[in-house]
């Protein structure tokens, strides 16, 4: 089982991979909708919206863990559109830092027992903070791959 330090390192490595996927991104590539036909029910985002989504999930997971830790009711996820002013890679990088920092601060407060104490999510699943924080790392990596795909030349 991973320690809190290993979990923090895994989250840092995954976030670094996500940020590396942005190296050299142009403003045009950042906001360009994905190419190709969208099938019914499919949701495809430009790089900007992928990063917004990553930050939203990070923020929600932190709030869920903190609410469960404090014995409070857990909020449901609220998908929100990316504000119009967050329209550059630099601003979205800052957003990702602003959402990750408090998550790491919370992780520092969780001992092994707290990391493994399950709680019930709004949809009824039971999860532990350890699982959710590990999921954030996997989620960053999945979206790093998505960003690399979105940035690939159309004929690649």
N, C-alpha and C. Protein backbone atom coordinates (compact mmCIF):
# COMPACT_ATOMS: atom_id res chain seq x y z
N UNK A 1 0.84 -1.17 0.00
CA UNK A 1 0.00 0.00 0.00
C UNK A 1 0.89 1.24 0.00
N UNK A 2 0.49 2.21 -0.76
CA UNK A 2 1.29 3.43 -0.88
C UNK A 2 1.20 4.27 0.39
N UNK A 3 2.30 4.90 0.72
CA UNK A 3 2.31 5.84 1.84
C UNK A 3 1.80 7.19 1.35
N UNK A 4 1.53 8.09 2.28
CA UNK A 4 1.09 9.44 1.91
C UNK A 4 2.15 10.13 1.06
N UNK A 5 3.42 9.91 1.40
CA UNK A 5 4.50 10.52 0.62
C UNK A 5 4.54 9.97 -0.79
N UNK A 6 4.37 8.66 -0.93
CA UNK A 6 4.36 8.05 -2.26
C UNK A 6 3.16 8.56 -3.07
N UNK A 7 2.05 8.70 -2.40
CA UNK A 7 0.85 9.21 -3.06
C UNK A 7 1.08 10.65 -3.53
N UNK A 8 1.67 11.47 -2.68
CA UNK A 8 1.98 12.85 -3.05
C UNK A 8 2.94 12.88 -4.25
N UNK A 9 3.97 12.01 -4.22
CA UNK A 9 4.92 11.95 -5.33
C UNK A 9 4.25 11.51 -6.62
N UNK A 10 3.35 10.55 -6.51
CA UNK A 10 2.61 10.06 -7.69
C UNK A 10 1.74 11.18 -8.28
N UNK A 11 1.08 11.92 -7.40
CA UNK A 11 0.25 13.04 -7.85
C UNK A 11 1.11 14.11 -8.51
N UNK A 12 2.28 14.38 -7.94
CA UNK A 12 3.18 15.39 -8.51
C UNK A 12 3.70 14.95 -9.88
N UNK A 13 4.06 13.68 -10.00
CA UNK A 13 4.57 13.18 -11.28
C UNK A 13 3.49 13.22 -12.36
N UNK A 14 2.27 12.86 -11.99
CA UNK A 14 1.17 12.89 -12.95
C UNK A 14 0.85 14.32 -13.38
N UNK A 15 0.88 15.24 -12.42
CA UNK A 15 0.60 16.64 -12.76
C UNK A 15 1.71 17.19 -13.65
N UNK A 16 2.96 16.80 -13.37
CA UNK A 16 4.08 17.24 -14.22
C UNK A 16 3.90 16.71 -15.64
N UNK A 17 3.40 15.48 -15.77
CA UNK A 17 3.15 14.92 -17.10
C UNK A 17 2.07 15.72 -17.82
N UNK A 18 1.02 16.08 -17.10
CA UNK A 18 -0.04 16.89 -17.70
C UNK A 18 0.50 18.24 -18.16
N UNK A 19 1.25 18.90 -17.30
CA UNK A 19 1.80 20.20 -17.66
C UNK A 19 2.81 20.10 -18.81
N UNK A 20 3.58 19.02 -18.84
CA UNK A 20 4.53 18.82 -19.94
C UNK A 20 3.80 18.65 -21.27
N UNK A 21 2.59 18.11 -21.23
CA UNK A 21 1.82 17.95 -22.47
C UNK A 21 1.44 19.30 -23.08
N UNK A 22 1.60 20.37 -22.30
CA UNK A 22 1.27 21.71 -22.77
C UNK A 22 2.47 22.47 -23.33
N UNK A 23 3.65 21.92 -23.17
CA UNK A 23 4.86 22.64 -23.60
C UNK A 23 4.73 23.10 -25.04
N UNK A 24 4.90 24.41 -25.23
CA UNK A 24 4.87 24.97 -26.58
C UNK A 24 3.49 25.10 -27.20
N UNK A 25 2.43 24.87 -26.43
CA UNK A 25 1.09 24.97 -27.00
C UNK A 25 0.84 26.41 -27.45
N UNK A 26 0.27 26.55 -28.63
CA UNK A 26 -0.09 27.87 -29.12
C UNK A 26 -1.48 28.23 -28.62
N UNK A 27 -1.80 29.49 -28.63
CA UNK A 27 -3.13 29.92 -28.23
C UNK A 27 -4.18 29.29 -29.14
N UNK A 28 -3.87 29.21 -30.42
CA UNK A 28 -4.80 28.61 -31.38
C UNK A 28 -5.08 27.15 -31.03
N UNK A 29 -4.03 26.39 -30.75
CA UNK A 29 -4.20 24.98 -30.38
C UNK A 29 -4.93 24.84 -29.05
N UNK A 30 -4.72 25.79 -28.16
CA UNK A 30 -5.30 25.75 -26.82
C UNK A 30 -6.83 25.84 -26.85
N UNK A 31 -7.36 26.63 -27.76
CA UNK A 31 -8.80 26.87 -27.79
C UNK A 31 -9.50 26.17 -28.96
N UNK A 32 -8.74 25.56 -29.87
CA UNK A 32 -9.34 24.91 -31.05
C UNK A 32 -10.18 23.70 -30.64
N UNK A 33 -11.43 23.65 -31.11
CA UNK A 33 -12.25 22.46 -30.85
C UNK A 33 -11.61 21.25 -31.53
N UNK A 34 -11.82 20.07 -30.97
CA UNK A 34 -11.25 18.87 -31.59
C UNK A 34 -11.75 18.70 -33.02
N UNK A 35 -10.88 18.17 -33.85
CA UNK A 35 -11.23 17.94 -35.25
C UNK A 35 -12.05 16.67 -35.37
N UNK A 36 -12.77 16.54 -36.45
CA UNK A 36 -13.53 15.34 -36.73
C UNK A 36 -14.97 15.46 -36.30
N UNK A 37 -15.72 14.48 -36.73
CA UNK A 37 -17.15 14.47 -36.45
C UNK A 37 -17.40 13.97 -35.03
N UNK A 38 -18.32 14.61 -34.35
CA UNK A 38 -18.68 14.22 -32.99
C UNK A 38 -19.90 13.32 -33.07
N UNK A 39 -19.81 12.16 -32.46
CA UNK A 39 -20.95 11.23 -32.47
C UNK A 39 -21.95 11.65 -31.40
N UNK A 40 -23.17 11.14 -31.52
CA UNK A 40 -24.22 11.50 -30.57
C UNK A 40 -23.82 11.13 -29.14
N UNK A 41 -23.97 12.07 -28.24
CA UNK A 41 -23.64 11.84 -26.84
C UNK A 41 -22.17 12.01 -26.50
N UNK A 42 -21.33 12.20 -27.50
CA UNK A 42 -19.89 12.36 -27.26
C UNK A 42 -19.60 13.79 -26.86
N UNK A 43 -18.72 13.94 -25.90
CA UNK A 43 -18.32 15.27 -25.47
C UNK A 43 -16.82 15.40 -25.73
N UNK A 44 -16.47 16.36 -26.58
CA UNK A 44 -15.05 16.57 -26.90
C UNK A 44 -14.71 18.01 -26.65
N UNK A 45 -13.61 18.21 -25.97
CA UNK A 45 -13.22 19.54 -25.51
C UNK A 45 -11.92 19.99 -26.13
N UNK A 46 -11.77 21.30 -26.27
CA UNK A 46 -10.44 21.82 -26.59
C UNK A 46 -9.54 21.67 -25.37
N UNK A 47 -8.25 21.86 -25.55
CA UNK A 47 -7.28 21.71 -24.46
C UNK A 47 -7.70 22.56 -23.26
N UNK A 48 -8.10 23.79 -23.51
CA UNK A 48 -8.53 24.69 -22.42
C UNK A 48 -9.56 24.03 -21.52
N UNK A 49 -10.58 23.42 -22.12
CA UNK A 49 -11.66 22.82 -21.33
C UNK A 49 -11.22 21.53 -20.65
N UNK A 50 -10.27 20.82 -21.24
CA UNK A 50 -9.71 19.64 -20.57
C UNK A 50 -9.06 20.07 -19.26
N UNK A 51 -8.25 21.13 -19.31
CA UNK A 51 -7.57 21.60 -18.10
C UNK A 51 -8.56 22.12 -17.07
N UNK A 52 -9.59 22.81 -17.51
CA UNK A 52 -10.62 23.29 -16.59
C UNK A 52 -11.26 22.10 -15.87
N UNK A 53 -11.60 21.07 -16.63
CA UNK A 53 -12.21 19.86 -16.07
C UNK A 53 -11.28 19.21 -15.02
N UNK A 54 -10.00 19.12 -15.32
CA UNK A 54 -9.03 18.53 -14.38
C UNK A 54 -9.04 19.30 -13.06
N UNK A 55 -9.02 20.63 -13.15
CA UNK A 55 -9.04 21.44 -11.94
C UNK A 55 -10.35 21.31 -11.16
N UNK A 56 -11.47 21.23 -11.88
CA UNK A 56 -12.76 21.06 -11.20
C UNK A 56 -12.80 19.75 -10.41
N UNK A 57 -12.30 18.68 -11.03
CA UNK A 57 -12.33 17.39 -10.34
C UNK A 57 -11.40 17.40 -9.12
N UNK A 58 -10.25 18.01 -9.27
CA UNK A 58 -9.30 18.12 -8.16
C UNK A 58 -9.98 18.85 -6.99
N UNK A 59 -10.61 19.96 -7.29
CA UNK A 59 -11.28 20.75 -6.26
C UNK A 59 -12.40 19.95 -5.59
N UNK A 60 -13.20 19.26 -6.38
CA UNK A 60 -14.32 18.50 -5.83
C UNK A 60 -13.82 17.34 -4.95
N UNK A 61 -12.81 16.62 -5.41
CA UNK A 61 -12.29 15.51 -4.60
C UNK A 61 -11.77 16.03 -3.26
N UNK A 62 -11.05 17.14 -3.29
CA UNK A 62 -10.54 17.70 -2.03
C UNK A 62 -11.70 18.05 -1.10
N UNK A 63 -12.72 18.70 -1.64
CA UNK A 63 -13.86 19.08 -0.81
C UNK A 63 -14.58 17.85 -0.28
N UNK A 64 -14.75 16.80 -1.09
CA UNK A 64 -15.40 15.57 -0.62
C UNK A 64 -14.63 14.96 0.54
N UNK A 65 -13.32 14.82 0.36
CA UNK A 65 -12.49 14.22 1.41
C UNK A 65 -12.57 15.05 2.68
N UNK A 66 -12.48 16.35 2.55
CA UNK A 66 -12.54 17.23 3.72
C UNK A 66 -13.91 17.17 4.38
N UNK A 67 -14.97 17.14 3.60
CA UNK A 67 -16.31 17.06 4.16
C UNK A 67 -16.51 15.73 4.89
N UNK A 68 -16.06 14.64 4.30
CA UNK A 68 -16.18 13.33 4.94
C UNK A 68 -15.36 13.30 6.23
N UNK A 69 -14.17 13.84 6.17
CA UNK A 69 -13.28 13.88 7.33
C UNK A 69 -13.93 14.64 8.49
N UNK A 70 -14.67 15.68 8.17
CA UNK A 70 -15.33 16.48 9.19
C UNK A 70 -16.74 16.01 9.54
N UNK A 71 -17.17 14.88 8.94
CA UNK A 71 -18.50 14.35 9.24
C UNK A 71 -19.63 15.17 8.63
N UNK A 72 -19.31 15.95 7.61
CA UNK A 72 -20.32 16.80 6.97
C UNK A 72 -20.90 16.09 5.73
N UNK A 73 -22.05 16.59 5.29
CA UNK A 73 -22.66 16.07 4.07
C UNK A 73 -21.72 16.37 2.89
N UNK A 74 -21.68 15.45 1.95
CA UNK A 74 -20.78 15.59 0.80
C UNK A 74 -21.53 16.16 -0.38
N UNK A 75 -20.97 17.23 -0.92
CA UNK A 75 -21.57 17.89 -2.08
C UNK A 75 -21.48 17.02 -3.32
N UNK A 76 -22.48 17.13 -4.18
CA UNK A 76 -22.43 16.49 -5.50
C UNK A 76 -21.49 17.29 -6.40
N UNK A 77 -20.99 16.62 -7.42
CA UNK A 77 -20.15 17.30 -8.40
C UNK A 77 -21.00 18.29 -9.17
N UNK A 78 -20.46 19.47 -9.37
CA UNK A 78 -21.14 20.50 -10.14
C UNK A 78 -20.26 20.89 -11.33
N UNK A 79 -20.64 20.40 -12.50
CA UNK A 79 -19.90 20.75 -13.71
C UNK A 79 -20.20 22.20 -14.04
N UNK A 80 -19.15 22.97 -14.18
CA UNK A 80 -19.31 24.39 -14.52
C UNK A 80 -18.48 24.67 -15.76
N UNK A 81 -18.97 25.58 -16.56
CA UNK A 81 -18.22 25.99 -17.76
C UNK A 81 -17.00 26.80 -17.35
N UNK A 82 -15.99 26.69 -18.16
CA UNK A 82 -14.77 27.46 -17.94
C UNK A 82 -15.09 28.94 -18.15
N UNK A 83 -14.77 29.79 -17.17
CA UNK A 83 -15.02 31.21 -17.35
C UNK A 83 -14.26 31.77 -18.56
N UNK A 84 -14.87 32.71 -19.23
CA UNK A 84 -14.29 33.27 -20.46
C UNK A 84 -12.91 33.87 -20.23
N UNK A 85 -12.66 34.42 -19.05
CA UNK A 85 -11.36 35.07 -18.82
C UNK A 85 -10.22 34.05 -18.65
N UNK A 86 -10.53 32.80 -18.38
CA UNK A 86 -9.48 31.77 -18.27
C UNK A 86 -9.24 31.19 -19.66
N UNK A 87 -8.62 31.97 -20.49
CA UNK A 87 -8.54 31.61 -21.90
C UNK A 87 -7.12 31.49 -22.42
N UNK A 88 -6.14 31.37 -21.52
CA UNK A 88 -4.76 31.21 -21.97
C UNK A 88 -4.13 30.04 -21.22
N UNK A 89 -3.11 29.44 -21.80
CA UNK A 89 -2.42 28.34 -21.11
C UNK A 89 -1.89 28.78 -19.74
N UNK A 90 -1.38 29.99 -19.65
CA UNK A 90 -0.80 30.47 -18.39
C UNK A 90 -1.86 30.54 -17.29
N UNK A 91 -3.04 31.05 -17.63
CA UNK A 91 -4.10 31.17 -16.63
C UNK A 91 -4.62 29.80 -16.20
N UNK A 92 -4.71 28.87 -17.13
CA UNK A 92 -5.18 27.54 -16.76
C UNK A 92 -4.13 26.78 -15.96
N UNK A 93 -2.86 27.01 -16.23
CA UNK A 93 -1.79 26.42 -15.39
C UNK A 93 -1.95 26.93 -13.96
N UNK A 94 -2.21 28.22 -13.82
CA UNK A 94 -2.41 28.80 -12.49
C UNK A 94 -3.63 28.18 -11.81
N UNK A 95 -4.69 27.97 -12.57
CA UNK A 95 -5.91 27.33 -12.05
C UNK A 95 -5.56 25.94 -11.52
N UNK A 96 -4.78 25.19 -12.28
CA UNK A 96 -4.40 23.85 -11.84
C UNK A 96 -3.57 23.90 -10.56
N UNK A 97 -2.71 24.89 -10.44
CA UNK A 97 -1.93 25.05 -9.21
C UNK A 97 -2.84 25.42 -8.04
N UNK A 98 -3.80 26.29 -8.30
CA UNK A 98 -4.72 26.73 -7.25
C UNK A 98 -5.62 25.61 -6.77
N UNK A 99 -5.94 24.68 -7.63
CA UNK A 99 -6.78 23.56 -7.19
C UNK A 99 -5.96 22.44 -6.57
N UNK A 100 -4.73 22.26 -7.01
CA UNK A 100 -3.90 21.16 -6.47
C UNK A 100 -3.31 21.49 -5.11
N UNK A 101 -2.88 22.72 -4.91
CA UNK A 101 -2.21 23.07 -3.66
C UNK A 101 -3.03 22.70 -2.42
N UNK A 102 -4.31 23.10 -2.32
CA UNK A 102 -5.06 22.74 -1.12
C UNK A 102 -5.28 21.23 -1.00
N UNK A 103 -5.30 20.53 -2.12
CA UNK A 103 -5.43 19.07 -2.06
C UNK A 103 -4.19 18.47 -1.40
N UNK A 104 -3.02 18.97 -1.75
CA UNK A 104 -1.78 18.48 -1.13
C UNK A 104 -1.69 18.88 0.34
N UNK A 105 -2.18 20.06 0.68
CA UNK A 105 -2.21 20.47 2.08
C UNK A 105 -3.11 19.53 2.87
N UNK A 106 -4.26 19.18 2.32
CA UNK A 106 -5.15 18.22 2.98
C UNK A 106 -4.48 16.86 3.14
N UNK A 107 -3.80 16.41 2.10
CA UNK A 107 -3.10 15.13 2.17
C UNK A 107 -2.13 15.09 3.35
N UNK A 108 -1.44 16.19 3.59
CA UNK A 108 -0.49 16.26 4.71
C UNK A 108 -1.18 16.05 6.05
N UNK A 109 -2.47 16.34 6.14
CA UNK A 109 -3.21 16.21 7.39
C UNK A 109 -3.78 14.82 7.60
N UNK A 110 -3.68 13.96 6.58
CA UNK A 110 -4.29 12.64 6.66
C UNK A 110 -3.26 11.59 7.06
N UNK A 111 -3.50 10.92 8.18
CA UNK A 111 -2.63 9.80 8.56
C UNK A 111 -3.13 8.55 7.83
N UNK A 112 -2.44 7.44 8.01
CA UNK A 112 -2.78 6.20 7.30
C UNK A 112 -4.21 5.77 7.58
N UNK A 113 -4.65 5.91 8.82
CA UNK A 113 -6.02 5.52 9.16
C UNK A 113 -7.04 6.38 8.41
N UNK A 114 -6.80 7.69 8.37
CA UNK A 114 -7.72 8.59 7.67
C UNK A 114 -7.70 8.34 6.17
N UNK A 115 -6.54 8.01 5.62
CA UNK A 115 -6.44 7.72 4.18
C UNK A 115 -7.26 6.49 3.80
N UNK A 116 -7.42 5.57 4.74
CA UNK A 116 -8.12 4.31 4.44
C UNK A 116 -9.53 4.23 5.01
N UNK A 117 -10.03 5.33 5.56
CA UNK A 117 -11.39 5.35 6.13
C UNK A 117 -12.39 5.60 4.99
N UNK A 118 -13.20 4.59 4.66
CA UNK A 118 -14.14 4.76 3.55
C UNK A 118 -15.30 5.70 3.93
N UNK A 119 -15.83 6.34 2.91
CA UNK A 119 -17.02 7.16 3.07
C UNK A 119 -17.87 7.00 1.82
N UNK A 120 -19.11 7.42 1.91
CA UNK A 120 -20.04 7.24 0.81
C UNK A 120 -20.14 8.52 -0.02
N UNK A 121 -19.90 8.37 -1.29
CA UNK A 121 -20.01 9.47 -2.23
C UNK A 121 -21.48 9.77 -2.52
N UNK A 122 -21.79 10.93 -3.07
CA UNK A 122 -23.19 11.28 -3.33
C UNK A 122 -23.95 10.25 -4.19
N UNK A 123 -23.25 9.57 -5.10
CA UNK A 123 -23.92 8.58 -5.96
C UNK A 123 -24.02 7.20 -5.29
N UNK A 124 -23.52 7.08 -4.05
CA UNK A 124 -23.67 5.83 -3.31
C UNK A 124 -22.44 4.95 -3.23
N UNK A 125 -21.40 5.22 -4.04
CA UNK A 125 -20.20 4.40 -3.98
C UNK A 125 -19.45 4.69 -2.68
N UNK A 126 -18.73 3.68 -2.19
CA UNK A 126 -17.88 3.86 -1.02
C UNK A 126 -16.45 3.91 -1.50
N UNK A 127 -15.74 4.95 -1.09
CA UNK A 127 -14.35 5.15 -1.49
C UNK A 127 -13.55 5.64 -0.30
N UNK A 128 -12.25 5.49 -0.40
CA UNK A 128 -11.34 6.02 0.61
C UNK A 128 -10.62 7.23 0.04
N UNK A 129 -10.12 8.11 0.90
CA UNK A 129 -9.31 9.21 0.39
C UNK A 129 -8.11 8.70 -0.42
N UNK A 130 -7.50 7.59 0.02
CA UNK A 130 -6.36 7.03 -0.71
C UNK A 130 -6.76 6.70 -2.15
N UNK A 131 -7.91 6.06 -2.32
CA UNK A 131 -8.39 5.72 -3.66
C UNK A 131 -8.61 6.98 -4.49
N UNK A 132 -9.30 7.97 -3.90
CA UNK A 132 -9.63 9.18 -4.66
C UNK A 132 -8.39 9.96 -5.05
N UNK A 133 -7.42 10.06 -4.16
CA UNK A 133 -6.19 10.79 -4.49
C UNK A 133 -5.38 10.04 -5.54
N UNK A 134 -5.37 8.71 -5.48
CA UNK A 134 -4.72 7.92 -6.53
C UNK A 134 -5.44 8.10 -7.86
N UNK A 135 -6.76 8.21 -7.79
CA UNK A 135 -7.53 8.43 -9.00
C UNK A 135 -7.16 9.78 -9.63
N UNK A 136 -6.94 10.80 -8.81
CA UNK A 136 -6.54 12.10 -9.36
C UNK A 136 -5.25 11.98 -10.18
N UNK A 137 -4.31 11.18 -9.69
CA UNK A 137 -3.06 10.99 -10.44
C UNK A 137 -3.35 10.29 -11.77
N UNK A 138 -4.16 9.24 -11.74
CA UNK A 138 -4.50 8.52 -12.98
C UNK A 138 -5.26 9.46 -13.93
N UNK A 139 -6.13 10.28 -13.38
CA UNK A 139 -6.93 11.22 -14.16
C UNK A 139 -6.02 12.23 -14.86
N UNK A 140 -5.03 12.76 -14.16
CA UNK A 140 -4.07 13.69 -14.79
C UNK A 140 -3.37 13.01 -15.96
N UNK A 141 -2.96 11.77 -15.78
CA UNK A 141 -2.25 11.05 -16.86
C UNK A 141 -3.15 10.80 -18.06
N UNK A 142 -4.40 10.43 -17.79
CA UNK A 142 -5.35 10.21 -18.89
C UNK A 142 -5.53 11.49 -19.71
N UNK A 143 -5.64 12.60 -19.01
CA UNK A 143 -5.85 13.86 -19.71
C UNK A 143 -4.57 14.39 -20.34
N UNK A 144 -3.41 14.03 -19.81
CA UNK A 144 -2.16 14.37 -20.48
C UNK A 144 -2.13 13.69 -21.85
N UNK A 145 -2.54 12.43 -21.90
CA UNK A 145 -2.59 11.71 -23.18
C UNK A 145 -3.61 12.36 -24.11
N UNK A 146 -4.74 12.77 -23.56
CA UNK A 146 -5.76 13.43 -24.37
C UNK A 146 -5.23 14.75 -24.95
N UNK A 147 -4.53 15.52 -24.14
CA UNK A 147 -3.96 16.79 -24.62
C UNK A 147 -2.95 16.53 -25.73
N UNK A 148 -2.11 15.52 -25.56
CA UNK A 148 -1.14 15.20 -26.62
C UNK A 148 -1.87 14.84 -27.92
N UNK A 149 -2.97 14.10 -27.82
CA UNK A 149 -3.75 13.74 -29.00
C UNK A 149 -4.39 14.98 -29.63
N UNK A 150 -4.94 15.84 -28.80
CA UNK A 150 -5.57 17.06 -29.32
C UNK A 150 -4.57 17.96 -30.02
N UNK A 151 -3.33 17.92 -29.57
CA UNK A 151 -2.30 18.78 -30.16
C UNK A 151 -1.60 18.16 -31.37
N UNK A 152 -1.85 16.90 -31.63
CA UNK A 152 -1.19 16.23 -32.76
C UNK A 152 -1.66 16.86 -34.06
N UNK A 153 -0.77 16.97 -35.03
CA UNK A 153 -1.17 17.51 -36.33
C UNK A 153 -2.31 16.67 -36.90
N UNK A 154 -3.25 17.30 -37.61
CA UNK A 154 -4.42 16.61 -38.14
C UNK A 154 -4.09 15.40 -39.00
N UNK A 155 -2.97 15.41 -39.68
CA UNK A 155 -2.63 14.29 -40.56
C UNK A 155 -1.76 13.25 -39.88
N UNK A 156 -1.54 13.37 -38.57
CA UNK A 156 -0.66 12.43 -37.85
C UNK A 156 -1.38 11.13 -37.57
